Structures are given as C-alpha cells and as structure tokens.
Amino acid sequence: MPRLTRIYTRTGDDGTTGLADGQRVHKDSARIDAIGELDELNSQLGVVRALLVPGDPLDSRLAQIQHRLFDLGGELALPGQTVVQASWVERLEHWLDELNGELPSLREFVLPGGNLPAAQCHLARAVCRRAERALLRLSRAESVNSASLKYLNRLSDLLFVIARMLARRDGGQEVYWQKESEP
C-alpha cells in the first residue's frame, strides 16, 4: 500500500470522493453515508476502549470489532466486493450468549447511563443502529452483502449487553426506565 505523504488532495473540493475502484461519487451518496456511519461507530468504540482499564477482556473483543468494521467499510468502498462473512455474525452471537449469560434477566427498559463507559457504549449502540439504517437504505438502491446487515444488527445487540455489563462494574447499577406516575 502506498504511503500517504500528503493528507489533502483537493479532489473532493467539488463534493465528490473516490471509491477504491477509482469511481467518483457524491459525498452525500447512500454509499458514502454508510461508510461515514461506520467510521463514526468505529470512533465511538475507540472511546469505549479508552475508558476501559488496561487488560480488560472486553478490550480485545472491541479491538477485533473495530478491525471488522474497517473491513466492512472497505467492502463498501469497493462495490461488488464481499468481505464480511456469516462466521463473523456467529462470533458476535457466541459473545452475546456468553456475556448475556452473566447478567440478570431484564424486567424493565434500560436507560443509557450508569457510568461513563456504559453511557459511551450505549452511544456506540445508537450509532451502530444508525449505521445499520444507512446500510439498509443503500441496499434498497444497490446490492449489499446480507451478512454485513446482519453483522451490524447483531453488533448493536452486543453493545447493549456490554453497556449493561459496564454499568454494573465496581458496584455500579444500570439505570431503569420509570413510567410517569399519575398525579
């Protein structure tokens, strides 16, 4: 891969950007929107990881997810390319089953919060859902790898479970929704 010696190219000044196959597309196209949402999600996961204590077992899993999100972005940058595999979805499901098994059953809706890492993970979950919606919009106009949609769907579930775990760390608690009581 060539080394970047200059970050700006001026080629995007006209409102277009280049895909990996050399094709120029508008920066507000559905494809670029989906890629941008993945980039934001990856950045949010970087913040979650920065809030974890060194050596936290969740860190290596989140690092793997960040790499896979970068792969997914690459898949979108090269139309027709398939990178995301069903096995990636299965890995997330395995982690979901494992981590959720350590938590009590839910009886109420959970509000984002509890502590900073949990709240940040809830934010990453919301961004993941937005990335999923952006990818779904793209799939209505162009061919999209179905495993990629499943991956984002499962990832948002996993981020919810991780947020629950983080909220309970060090004696902390989850924040539950409370219905407005009648006066």
N, C-alpha and C. Protein backbone atom coordinates (compact mmCIF):
# COMPACT_ATOMS: atom_id res chain seq x y z
N MET A 1 0.85 -1.17 0.00
CA MET A 1 0.00 0.00 0.00
C MET A 1 0.89 1.24 0.00
N PRO A 2 0.58 2.23 -0.82
CA PRO A 2 1.42 3.42 -0.86
C PRO A 2 1.33 4.22 0.44
N ARG A 3 2.41 4.84 0.78
CA ARG A 3 2.47 5.66 1.99
C ARG A 3 1.91 7.04 1.67
N LEU A 4 1.05 7.55 2.57
CA LEU A 4 0.49 8.88 2.38
C LEU A 4 1.50 9.91 2.85
N THR A 5 1.92 10.76 1.94
CA THR A 5 2.85 11.81 2.33
C THR A 5 2.14 13.14 2.43
N ARG A 6 0.95 13.21 1.85
CA ARG A 6 0.15 14.43 1.92
C ARG A 6 -1.29 14.02 2.15
N ILE A 7 -1.94 14.59 3.14
CA ILE A 7 -3.29 14.20 3.50
C ILE A 7 -4.33 14.82 2.57
N TYR A 8 -4.16 16.03 2.17
CA TYR A 8 -5.15 16.66 1.31
C TYR A 8 -4.80 16.43 -0.16
N THR A 9 -5.86 16.27 -0.97
CA THR A 9 -5.66 16.02 -2.40
C THR A 9 -6.37 17.07 -3.26
N ARG A 10 -7.33 17.74 -2.69
CA ARG A 10 -8.16 18.73 -3.39
C ARG A 10 -9.15 18.10 -4.36
N THR A 11 -9.10 16.77 -4.52
CA THR A 11 -10.01 16.13 -5.48
C THR A 11 -11.45 16.12 -4.97
N GLY A 12 -11.65 16.29 -3.69
CA GLY A 12 -13.00 16.29 -3.13
C GLY A 12 -13.62 17.67 -3.02
N ASP A 13 -12.92 18.67 -3.48
CA ASP A 13 -13.43 20.04 -3.38
C ASP A 13 -14.71 20.25 -4.17
N ASP A 14 -14.97 19.39 -5.15
CA ASP A 14 -16.18 19.52 -5.95
C ASP A 14 -17.36 18.74 -5.37
N GLY A 15 -17.22 18.21 -4.15
CA GLY A 15 -18.31 17.48 -3.50
C GLY A 15 -18.35 16.00 -3.83
N THR A 16 -17.28 15.50 -4.43
CA THR A 16 -17.21 14.06 -4.72
C THR A 16 -16.05 13.45 -3.96
N THR A 17 -16.08 12.13 -3.89
CA THR A 17 -14.99 11.39 -3.27
C THR A 17 -14.75 10.13 -4.10
N GLY A 18 -13.59 9.55 -3.94
CA GLY A 18 -13.26 8.37 -4.72
C GLY A 18 -13.48 7.08 -3.96
N LEU A 19 -14.03 6.10 -4.66
CA LEU A 19 -14.14 4.75 -4.11
C LEU A 19 -12.86 4.00 -4.43
N ALA A 20 -12.71 2.83 -3.86
CA ALA A 20 -11.48 2.05 -4.03
C ALA A 20 -11.27 1.59 -5.47
N ASP A 21 -12.35 1.54 -6.26
CA ASP A 21 -12.22 1.13 -7.66
C ASP A 21 -11.96 2.32 -8.59
N GLY A 22 -11.77 3.52 -8.01
CA GLY A 22 -11.48 4.71 -8.80
C GLY A 22 -12.71 5.51 -9.17
N GLN A 23 -13.88 4.95 -8.97
CA GLN A 23 -15.13 5.63 -9.28
C GLN A 23 -15.31 6.85 -8.38
N ARG A 24 -15.79 7.96 -8.93
CA ARG A 24 -16.09 9.16 -8.15
C ARG A 24 -17.59 9.18 -7.85
N VAL A 25 -17.94 9.44 -6.60
CA VAL A 25 -19.34 9.53 -6.19
C VAL A 25 -19.53 10.76 -5.33
N HIS A 26 -20.78 11.22 -5.25
CA HIS A 26 -21.07 12.38 -4.41
C HIS A 26 -20.86 12.02 -2.93
N LYS A 27 -20.36 12.97 -2.17
CA LYS A 27 -20.08 12.73 -0.76
C LYS A 27 -21.34 12.47 0.06
N ASP A 28 -22.50 12.86 -0.47
CA ASP A 28 -23.75 12.62 0.25
C ASP A 28 -24.52 11.42 -0.32
N SER A 29 -23.84 10.58 -1.09
CA SER A 29 -24.49 9.38 -1.62
C SER A 29 -24.75 8.39 -0.49
N ALA A 30 -25.68 7.48 -0.74
CA ALA A 30 -26.03 6.48 0.29
C ALA A 30 -24.82 5.64 0.67
N ARG A 31 -23.96 5.33 -0.29
CA ARG A 31 -22.78 4.51 -0.02
C ARG A 31 -21.81 5.25 0.91
N ILE A 32 -21.54 6.50 0.61
CA ILE A 32 -20.61 7.28 1.44
C ILE A 32 -21.22 7.56 2.80
N ASP A 33 -22.53 7.75 2.84
CA ASP A 33 -23.20 7.94 4.13
C ASP A 33 -23.00 6.71 5.01
N ALA A 34 -23.18 5.52 4.44
CA ALA A 34 -23.00 4.29 5.21
C ALA A 34 -21.55 4.14 5.68
N ILE A 35 -20.61 4.45 4.81
CA ILE A 35 -19.19 4.39 5.18
C ILE A 35 -18.91 5.37 6.32
N GLY A 36 -19.48 6.55 6.24
CA GLY A 36 -19.29 7.56 7.29
C GLY A 36 -19.87 7.14 8.62
N GLU A 37 -21.02 6.49 8.58
CA GLU A 37 -21.63 6.00 9.83
C GLU A 37 -20.76 4.92 10.46
N LEU A 38 -20.17 4.06 9.64
CA LEU A 38 -19.25 3.04 10.16
C LEU A 38 -18.02 3.68 10.78
N ASP A 39 -17.53 4.74 10.16
CA ASP A 39 -16.37 5.45 10.69
C ASP A 39 -16.70 6.05 12.05
N GLU A 40 -17.90 6.65 12.17
CA GLU A 40 -18.30 7.22 13.46
C GLU A 40 -18.45 6.12 14.51
N LEU A 41 -19.04 5.01 14.13
CA LEU A 41 -19.17 3.89 15.06
C LEU A 41 -17.81 3.41 15.53
N ASN A 42 -16.89 3.26 14.61
CA ASN A 42 -15.55 2.81 14.97
C ASN A 42 -14.89 3.80 15.92
N SER A 43 -15.10 5.09 15.69
CA SER A 43 -14.55 6.11 16.58
C SER A 43 -15.17 6.02 17.97
N GLN A 44 -16.48 5.79 18.03
CA GLN A 44 -17.15 5.64 19.33
C GLN A 44 -16.61 4.44 20.09
N LEU A 45 -16.36 3.35 19.37
CA LEU A 45 -15.79 2.18 20.04
C LEU A 45 -14.38 2.46 20.55
N GLY A 46 -13.65 3.30 19.84
CA GLY A 46 -12.33 3.72 20.32
C GLY A 46 -12.42 4.45 21.64
N VAL A 47 -13.47 5.26 21.80
CA VAL A 47 -13.66 5.97 23.07
C VAL A 47 -14.02 4.97 24.17
N VAL A 48 -14.89 4.02 23.88
CA VAL A 48 -15.23 2.99 24.88
C VAL A 48 -13.97 2.28 25.33
N ARG A 49 -13.15 1.89 24.37
CA ARG A 49 -11.91 1.18 24.71
C ARG A 49 -10.98 2.03 25.55
N ALA A 50 -10.93 3.33 25.27
CA ALA A 50 -10.06 4.23 26.04
C ALA A 50 -10.52 4.36 27.49
N LEU A 51 -11.80 4.10 27.74
CA LEU A 51 -12.35 4.19 29.09
C LEU A 51 -12.17 2.91 29.90
N LEU A 52 -11.78 1.83 29.25
CA LEU A 52 -11.58 0.56 29.95
C LEU A 52 -10.24 0.55 30.66
N VAL A 53 -10.17 -0.22 31.73
CA VAL A 53 -8.89 -0.37 32.43
C VAL A 53 -7.98 -1.26 31.59
N PRO A 54 -6.68 -1.01 31.63
CA PRO A 54 -5.75 -1.86 30.85
C PRO A 54 -5.92 -3.33 31.20
N GLY A 55 -5.93 -4.17 30.18
CA GLY A 55 -6.07 -5.60 30.38
C GLY A 55 -7.50 -6.10 30.45
N ASP A 56 -8.48 -5.20 30.35
CA ASP A 56 -9.88 -5.61 30.39
C ASP A 56 -10.15 -6.57 29.23
N PRO A 57 -10.75 -7.74 29.51
CA PRO A 57 -11.02 -8.71 28.44
C PRO A 57 -11.94 -8.17 27.34
N LEU A 58 -12.77 -7.20 27.67
CA LEU A 58 -13.64 -6.61 26.65
C LEU A 58 -12.82 -5.84 25.61
N ASP A 59 -11.67 -5.34 26.02
CA ASP A 59 -10.86 -4.53 25.11
C ASP A 59 -10.46 -5.31 23.86
N SER A 60 -10.03 -6.55 24.02
CA SER A 60 -9.59 -7.33 22.85
C SER A 60 -10.77 -7.63 21.93
N ARG A 61 -11.94 -7.85 22.49
CA ARG A 61 -13.12 -8.10 21.66
C ARG A 61 -13.51 -6.83 20.90
N LEU A 62 -13.49 -5.71 21.59
CA LEU A 62 -13.84 -4.46 20.92
C LEU A 62 -12.80 -4.11 19.86
N ALA A 63 -11.54 -4.44 20.11
CA ALA A 63 -10.50 -4.21 19.10
C ALA A 63 -10.78 -5.05 17.86
N GLN A 64 -11.15 -6.32 18.06
CA GLN A 64 -11.49 -7.17 16.92
C GLN A 64 -12.66 -6.57 16.13
N ILE A 65 -13.65 -6.07 16.85
CA ILE A 65 -14.81 -5.47 16.19
C ILE A 65 -14.39 -4.24 15.40
N GLN A 66 -13.51 -3.43 15.95
CA GLN A 66 -13.04 -2.25 15.22
C GLN A 66 -12.38 -2.67 13.90
N HIS A 67 -11.58 -3.71 13.93
CA HIS A 67 -10.94 -4.18 12.70
C HIS A 67 -11.98 -4.69 11.70
N ARG A 68 -12.98 -5.39 12.19
CA ARG A 68 -14.01 -5.91 11.28
C ARG A 68 -14.85 -4.77 10.70
N LEU A 69 -15.10 -3.73 11.49
CA LEU A 69 -15.83 -2.56 10.96
C LEU A 69 -15.02 -1.88 9.86
N PHE A 70 -13.70 -1.84 10.03
CA PHE A 70 -12.85 -1.27 8.99
C PHE A 70 -12.94 -2.13 7.73
N ASP A 71 -12.97 -3.46 7.91
CA ASP A 71 -13.15 -4.36 6.77
C ASP A 71 -14.49 -4.10 6.08
N LEU A 72 -15.54 -3.92 6.87
CA LEU A 72 -16.86 -3.65 6.31
C LEU A 72 -16.85 -2.34 5.52
N GLY A 73 -16.18 -1.33 6.04
CA GLY A 73 -16.04 -0.08 5.30
C GLY A 73 -15.32 -0.29 3.98
N GLY A 74 -14.29 -1.14 4.01
CA GLY A 74 -13.58 -1.47 2.78
C GLY A 74 -14.46 -2.19 1.78
N GLU A 75 -15.32 -3.06 2.30
CA GLU A 75 -16.28 -3.76 1.43
C GLU A 75 -17.17 -2.74 0.72
N LEU A 76 -17.62 -1.74 1.45
CA LEU A 76 -18.48 -0.72 0.86
C LEU A 76 -17.73 0.20 -0.09
N ALA A 77 -16.44 0.39 0.15
CA ALA A 77 -15.63 1.26 -0.71
C ALA A 77 -15.30 0.61 -2.04
N LEU A 78 -15.55 -0.67 -2.14
CA LEU A 78 -15.28 -1.40 -3.39
C LEU A 78 -16.56 -2.15 -3.78
N PRO A 79 -17.47 -1.46 -4.48
CA PRO A 79 -18.76 -2.08 -4.83
C PRO A 79 -18.57 -3.45 -5.48
N GLY A 80 -19.41 -4.39 -5.02
CA GLY A 80 -19.33 -5.74 -5.54
C GLY A 80 -18.41 -6.65 -4.74
N GLN A 81 -17.61 -6.08 -3.88
CA GLN A 81 -16.68 -6.85 -3.04
C GLN A 81 -17.44 -7.45 -1.86
N THR A 82 -17.13 -8.69 -1.50
CA THR A 82 -17.71 -9.33 -0.32
C THR A 82 -16.58 -9.67 0.64
N VAL A 83 -16.63 -9.08 1.81
CA VAL A 83 -15.61 -9.32 2.83
C VAL A 83 -16.24 -9.92 4.08
N VAL A 84 -17.34 -9.33 4.54
CA VAL A 84 -18.00 -9.80 5.76
C VAL A 84 -18.56 -11.19 5.52
N GLN A 85 -18.30 -12.09 6.48
CA GLN A 85 -18.71 -13.49 6.38
C GLN A 85 -19.74 -13.83 7.46
N ALA A 86 -20.53 -14.83 7.20
CA ALA A 86 -21.51 -15.30 8.19
C ALA A 86 -20.83 -15.70 9.49
N SER A 87 -19.60 -16.17 9.42
CA SER A 87 -18.88 -16.58 10.63
C SER A 87 -18.64 -15.39 11.57
N TRP A 88 -18.56 -14.19 11.00
CA TRP A 88 -18.39 -13.01 11.85
C TRP A 88 -19.64 -12.79 12.69
N VAL A 89 -20.81 -12.98 12.09
CA VAL A 89 -22.08 -12.85 12.80
C VAL A 89 -22.16 -13.92 13.88
N GLU A 90 -21.77 -15.13 13.55
CA GLU A 90 -21.78 -16.23 14.52
C GLU A 90 -20.87 -15.93 15.70
N ARG A 91 -19.72 -15.31 15.45
CA ARG A 91 -18.81 -14.96 16.55
C ARG A 91 -19.49 -13.96 17.49
N LEU A 92 -20.17 -12.96 16.91
CA LEU A 92 -20.88 -11.99 17.76
C LEU A 92 -21.97 -12.69 18.57
N GLU A 93 -22.69 -13.62 17.95
CA GLU A 93 -23.73 -14.36 18.67
C GLU A 93 -23.15 -15.17 19.81
N HIS A 94 -21.99 -15.78 19.59
CA HIS A 94 -21.33 -16.54 20.65
C HIS A 94 -20.98 -15.61 21.82
N TRP A 95 -20.40 -14.45 21.50
CA TRP A 95 -20.06 -13.49 22.55
C TRP A 95 -21.31 -13.01 23.26
N LEU A 96 -22.38 -12.76 22.50
CA LEU A 96 -23.64 -12.32 23.10
C LEU A 96 -24.15 -13.34 24.10
N ASP A 97 -24.19 -14.59 23.69
CA ASP A 97 -24.68 -15.65 24.58
C ASP A 97 -23.82 -15.74 25.84
N GLU A 98 -22.52 -15.67 25.65
CA GLU A 98 -21.60 -15.77 26.79
C GLU A 98 -21.77 -14.61 27.76
N LEU A 99 -21.74 -13.39 27.24
CA LEU A 99 -21.79 -12.21 28.11
C LEU A 99 -23.17 -12.00 28.71
N ASN A 100 -24.22 -12.24 27.93
CA ASN A 100 -25.57 -12.06 28.45
C ASN A 100 -25.89 -13.08 29.54
N GLY A 101 -25.25 -14.24 29.46
CA GLY A 101 -25.44 -15.27 30.48
C GLY A 101 -24.96 -14.84 31.85
N GLU A 102 -24.10 -13.83 31.90
CA GLU A 102 -23.57 -13.33 33.17
C GLU A 102 -24.47 -12.25 33.78
N LEU A 103 -25.52 -11.85 33.06
CA LEU A 103 -26.38 -10.75 33.51
C LEU A 103 -27.74 -11.28 33.97
N PRO A 104 -28.38 -10.55 34.89
CA PRO A 104 -29.74 -10.94 35.28
C PRO A 104 -30.71 -10.62 34.13
N SER A 105 -31.82 -11.34 34.10
CA SER A 105 -32.85 -11.07 33.10
C SER A 105 -33.37 -9.65 33.24
N LEU A 106 -33.75 -9.10 32.12
CA LEU A 106 -34.31 -7.74 32.14
C LEU A 106 -35.78 -7.77 32.51
N ARG A 107 -36.18 -6.85 33.36
CA ARG A 107 -37.59 -6.71 33.74
C ARG A 107 -38.10 -5.32 33.41
N GLU A 108 -37.17 -4.42 33.11
CA GLU A 108 -37.52 -3.04 32.76
C GLU A 108 -36.64 -2.61 31.59
N PHE A 109 -37.05 -1.52 30.95
CA PHE A 109 -36.20 -0.94 29.92
C PHE A 109 -35.00 -0.28 30.58
N VAL A 110 -33.86 -0.34 29.91
CA VAL A 110 -32.63 0.24 30.42
C VAL A 110 -32.40 1.59 29.75
N LEU A 111 -32.10 2.59 30.56
CA LEU A 111 -31.74 3.90 30.03
C LEU A 111 -30.23 3.99 29.90
N PRO A 112 -29.73 4.71 28.90
CA PRO A 112 -28.28 4.90 28.81
C PRO A 112 -27.75 5.60 30.05
N GLY A 113 -26.69 5.08 30.60
CA GLY A 113 -26.09 5.68 31.79
C GLY A 113 -25.52 4.62 32.69
N GLY A 114 -25.42 4.95 33.96
CA GLY A 114 -24.83 4.06 34.95
C GLY A 114 -23.44 4.51 35.32
N ASN A 115 -22.61 4.71 34.31
CA ASN A 115 -21.28 5.28 34.47
C ASN A 115 -20.81 5.70 33.08
N LEU A 116 -19.68 6.35 33.00
CA LEU A 116 -19.22 6.87 31.72
C LEU A 116 -18.97 5.78 30.67
N PRO A 117 -18.28 4.68 31.00
CA PRO A 117 -18.09 3.65 29.98
C PRO A 117 -19.41 3.06 29.47
N ALA A 118 -20.35 2.82 30.37
CA ALA A 118 -21.65 2.26 29.96
C ALA A 118 -22.40 3.25 29.08
N ALA A 119 -22.42 4.50 29.48
CA ALA A 119 -23.12 5.53 28.68
C ALA A 119 -22.48 5.65 27.30
N GLN A 120 -21.16 5.60 27.25
CA GLN A 120 -20.46 5.69 25.96
C GLN A 120 -20.77 4.47 25.10
N CYS A 121 -20.90 3.31 25.71
CA CYS A 121 -21.22 2.10 24.97
C CYS A 121 -22.65 2.17 24.43
N HIS A 122 -23.56 2.75 25.22
CA HIS A 122 -24.93 2.96 24.73
C HIS A 122 -24.92 3.91 23.53
N LEU A 123 -24.08 4.94 23.58
CA LEU A 123 -23.97 5.85 22.44
C LEU A 123 -23.45 5.11 21.22
N ALA A 124 -22.45 4.25 21.40
CA ALA A 124 -21.94 3.45 20.30
C ALA A 124 -23.04 2.54 19.74
N ARG A 125 -23.88 2.00 20.62
CA ARG A 125 -25.00 1.16 20.17
C ARG A 125 -25.97 1.96 19.30
N ALA A 126 -26.27 3.19 19.71
CA ALA A 126 -27.18 4.03 18.93
C ALA A 126 -26.57 4.37 17.57
N VAL A 127 -25.27 4.65 17.54
CA VAL A 127 -24.59 4.93 16.28
C VAL A 127 -24.59 3.68 15.40
N CYS A 128 -24.44 2.50 16.02
CA CYS A 128 -24.48 1.24 15.29
C CYS A 128 -25.84 1.07 14.61
N ARG A 129 -26.90 1.37 15.32
CA ARG A 129 -28.24 1.27 14.74
C ARG A 129 -28.38 2.24 13.56
N ARG A 130 -27.82 3.42 13.70
CA ARG A 130 -27.87 4.40 12.61
C ARG A 130 -27.07 3.90 11.41
N ALA A 131 -25.92 3.28 11.65
CA ALA A 131 -25.12 2.71 10.56
C ALA A 131 -25.90 1.59 9.88
N GLU A 132 -26.60 0.80 10.67
CA GLU A 132 -27.42 -0.27 10.10
C GLU A 132 -28.50 0.30 9.19
N ARG A 133 -29.16 1.37 9.65
CA ARG A 133 -30.20 2.00 8.82
C ARG A 133 -29.60 2.58 7.54
N ALA A 134 -28.41 3.16 7.63
CA ALA A 134 -27.76 3.70 6.43
C ALA A 134 -27.43 2.59 5.45
N LEU A 135 -26.97 1.46 5.95
CA LEU A 135 -26.65 0.33 5.08
C LEU A 135 -27.92 -0.26 4.47
N LEU A 136 -29.00 -0.28 5.23
CA LEU A 136 -30.28 -0.75 4.70
C LEU A 136 -30.76 0.18 3.58
N ARG A 137 -30.64 1.49 3.76
CA ARG A 137 -31.01 2.44 2.70
C ARG A 137 -30.19 2.16 1.43
N LEU A 138 -28.90 1.94 1.60
CA LEU A 138 -28.05 1.63 0.45
C LEU A 138 -28.53 0.35 -0.22
N SER A 139 -28.93 -0.64 0.56
CA SER A 139 -29.34 -1.93 0.00
C SER A 139 -30.61 -1.82 -0.84
N ARG A 140 -31.37 -0.78 -0.64
CA ARG A 140 -32.59 -0.58 -1.44
C ARG A 140 -32.25 -0.07 -2.83
N ALA A 141 -31.06 0.52 -2.99
CA ALA A 141 -30.66 1.07 -4.29
C ALA A 141 -29.58 0.23 -4.97
N GLU A 142 -28.76 -0.43 -4.17
CA GLU A 142 -27.63 -1.19 -4.71
C GLU A 142 -27.51 -2.52 -3.97
N SER A 143 -26.77 -3.42 -4.55
CA SER A 143 -26.54 -4.72 -3.93
C SER A 143 -25.63 -4.56 -2.71
N VAL A 144 -26.04 -5.16 -1.60
CA VAL A 144 -25.28 -5.12 -0.35
C VAL A 144 -25.19 -6.53 0.19
N ASN A 145 -24.05 -6.88 0.73
CA ASN A 145 -23.82 -8.18 1.35
C ASN A 145 -24.78 -8.34 2.53
N SER A 146 -25.64 -9.34 2.50
CA SER A 146 -26.61 -9.53 3.59
C SER A 146 -25.92 -9.81 4.92
N ALA A 147 -24.75 -10.42 4.89
CA ALA A 147 -24.01 -10.69 6.14
C ALA A 147 -23.60 -9.37 6.80
N SER A 148 -23.38 -8.34 6.02
CA SER A 148 -23.00 -7.04 6.58
C SER A 148 -24.14 -6.44 7.38
N LEU A 149 -25.36 -6.55 6.86
CA LEU A 149 -26.53 -6.06 7.58
C LEU A 149 -26.73 -6.86 8.87
N LYS A 150 -26.59 -8.16 8.79
CA LYS A 150 -26.74 -8.99 9.98
C LYS A 150 -25.67 -8.67 11.01
N TYR A 151 -24.45 -8.40 10.55
CA TYR A 151 -23.35 -8.10 11.45
C TYR A 151 -23.67 -6.85 12.28
N LEU A 152 -24.15 -5.80 11.62
CA LEU A 152 -24.47 -4.57 12.35
C LEU A 152 -25.64 -4.78 13.29
N ASN A 153 -26.63 -5.57 12.88
CA ASN A 153 -27.76 -5.84 13.74
C ASN A 153 -27.31 -6.57 15.01
N ARG A 154 -26.50 -7.58 14.85
CA ARG A 154 -26.01 -8.33 15.99
C ARG A 154 -25.07 -7.49 16.85
N LEU A 155 -24.25 -6.65 16.20
CA LEU A 155 -23.32 -5.81 16.95
C LEU A 155 -24.07 -4.85 17.87
N SER A 156 -25.16 -4.28 17.41
CA SER A 156 -25.90 -3.36 18.30
C SER A 156 -26.43 -4.11 19.52
N ASP A 157 -26.85 -5.35 19.33
CA ASP A 157 -27.28 -6.16 20.48
C ASP A 157 -26.11 -6.40 21.44
N LEU A 158 -24.96 -6.73 20.88
CA LEU A 158 -23.78 -6.97 21.70
C LEU A 158 -23.38 -5.72 22.48
N LEU A 159 -23.45 -4.58 21.83
CA LEU A 159 -23.09 -3.33 22.52
C LEU A 159 -24.06 -3.02 23.66
N PHE A 160 -25.32 -3.39 23.50
CA PHE A 160 -26.29 -3.23 24.58
C PHE A 160 -25.88 -4.08 25.78
N VAL A 161 -25.52 -5.34 25.52
CA VAL A 161 -25.12 -6.25 26.59
C VAL A 161 -23.84 -5.76 27.26
N ILE A 162 -22.89 -5.30 26.46
CA ILE A 162 -21.64 -4.78 27.03
C ILE A 162 -21.93 -3.55 27.88
N ALA A 163 -22.83 -2.68 27.43
CA ALA A 163 -23.18 -1.50 28.23
C ALA A 163 -23.78 -1.92 29.56
N ARG A 164 -24.61 -2.95 29.55
CA ARG A 164 -25.19 -3.46 30.80
C ARG A 164 -24.09 -3.95 31.73
N MET A 165 -23.13 -4.68 31.17
CA MET A 165 -22.02 -5.19 31.98
C MET A 165 -21.22 -4.03 32.58
N LEU A 166 -20.90 -3.05 31.74
CA LEU A 166 -20.09 -1.93 32.20
C LEU A 166 -20.80 -1.14 33.30
N ALA A 167 -22.12 -0.98 33.19
CA ALA A 167 -22.87 -0.23 34.20
C ALA A 167 -22.81 -0.91 35.57
N ARG A 168 -22.66 -2.23 35.58
CA ARG A 168 -22.66 -2.99 36.83
C ARG A 168 -21.28 -3.16 37.44
N ARG A 169 -20.28 -2.68 36.75
CA ARG A 169 -18.91 -2.84 37.25
C ARG A 169 -18.69 -2.02 38.52
N ASP A 170 -17.81 -2.53 39.35
CA ASP A 170 -17.38 -1.84 40.57
C ASP A 170 -18.56 -1.42 41.44
N GLY A 171 -19.56 -2.28 41.53
CA GLY A 171 -20.71 -2.00 42.39
C GLY A 171 -21.72 -1.05 41.78
N GLY A 172 -21.55 -0.69 40.51
CA GLY A 172 -22.48 0.22 39.84
C GLY A 172 -23.79 -0.45 39.50
N GLN A 173 -24.70 0.36 38.99
CA GLN A 173 -26.03 -0.14 38.67
C GLN A 173 -26.47 0.36 37.31
N GLU A 174 -27.35 -0.41 36.71
CA GLU A 174 -28.00 0.04 35.49
C GLU A 174 -29.07 1.06 35.85
N VAL A 175 -29.41 1.90 34.91
CA VAL A 175 -30.47 2.89 35.11
C VAL A 175 -31.70 2.37 34.38
N TYR A 176 -32.79 2.19 35.13
CA TYR A 176 -34.01 1.64 34.54
C TYR A 176 -35.04 2.74 34.31
N TRP A 177 -35.79 2.57 33.25
CA TRP A 177 -36.87 3.48 32.91
C TRP A 177 -37.97 3.38 33.96
N GLN A 178 -38.52 4.53 34.33
CA GLN A 178 -39.62 4.57 35.26
C GLN A 178 -40.80 5.28 34.60
N LYS A 179 -41.90 4.61 34.55
CA LYS A 179 -43.10 5.17 33.93
C LYS A 179 -43.58 6.35 34.75
N GLU A 180 -44.03 7.37 34.05
CA GLU A 180 -44.60 8.55 34.72
C GLU A 180 -45.82 8.11 35.53
N SER A 181 -45.82 8.46 36.81
CA SER A 181 -46.95 8.10 37.64
C SER A 181 -48.02 9.18 37.53
N GLU A 182 -49.24 8.75 37.60
CA GLU A 182 -50.38 9.69 37.53
C GLU A 182 -50.44 10.50 38.82
N PRO A 183 -50.71 11.81 38.70
CA PRO A 183 -50.81 12.62 39.93
C PRO A 183 -52.02 12.32 40.75
